[in-house]
């Protein structure tokens, strides 16, 4: 993040739901990524639903604890297309997913994630697939138990490092762009609409 944008962030209300959406989900909003996690204060859940209503961005609640809510935000068609890739389907099947429709995948993952967060045990690595990470990096992470990576950025990279570095730079640029737009007074609903029309 550039010094200029870093200073803008320091002057913003970091608890603001619009700021949190920009910081956590800029690659998705900008059309660079099929999905992002959004972890927010439980009291802001209704506000997220209002902001995303009719935005073209879907949301699925993965977990609610006393204080926090974890959402998966995604663009439905791009995420479904990604999950239908041969290697991704094979990895989901290996992970025990019998029904590979998006609804069934989300429902099964939600149960596994909630169980992991409450009881521990095996982390559901298929989260990387739901987040649209490259299949080769998800497989590399699982096979190497999170070690021996080439680079650690938005995820741990196990192949094609240079291309991933360029992608991470685009993600950072998207985050900076959204922060600047909020600083200039645009609402998140307006930003999503602008980004949606340019990404379409």
Foldseek 3Di string as FASTA:
>chain_A
DDPVLVVLLVVDDCLDPLLQCLQFPLCQLLLNWFKTKGKHFPVCPVVVCVLCVVLQKDWDWLDDDPTMTIIIIGRPPVLLVLCPPPLNVVVVVVLPQPDSDPVSVSVVLSVVCHCCVVPNDDDSLCVCSSRVHPSVQSVVCVVVVNPPFPDADVHGHNDPVVVVVVSSVVSVVSSSVSSVCVSVPDGSSVSSNVSVVVSD
